[in-house]
Amino acid sequence: MKTLSIAVSEFPIRLGQFLKHASIVSDGVQGKKLITSGEVRVNGTPEFRRGKQLRLGDIVIVGNTSYVCTARSA
């Protein structure tokens, strides 16, 4: 599994926003479809809510790639 660090400027960030920020999807419609299809896991648990609040260190898994929420340095 490939792991990527995604720097976020402010926490918490909603899952739908994170998917767009990380360029996993191009818009909210794609994000909603991906999430409701059950293809997104947060910290190993399937997540079906676009509004799920992500915090520093959370891991979002889509397919064979995991995305770690990291803080953007100032």
Foldseek 3Di string as FASTA:
>chain_A
DAEEEQADADFFDFQLVVCCSVVVDVDSVVSLVCLCVQQKDKQRHRHNDRRDTDDQQIWIDGDPYIYGYHHDDD
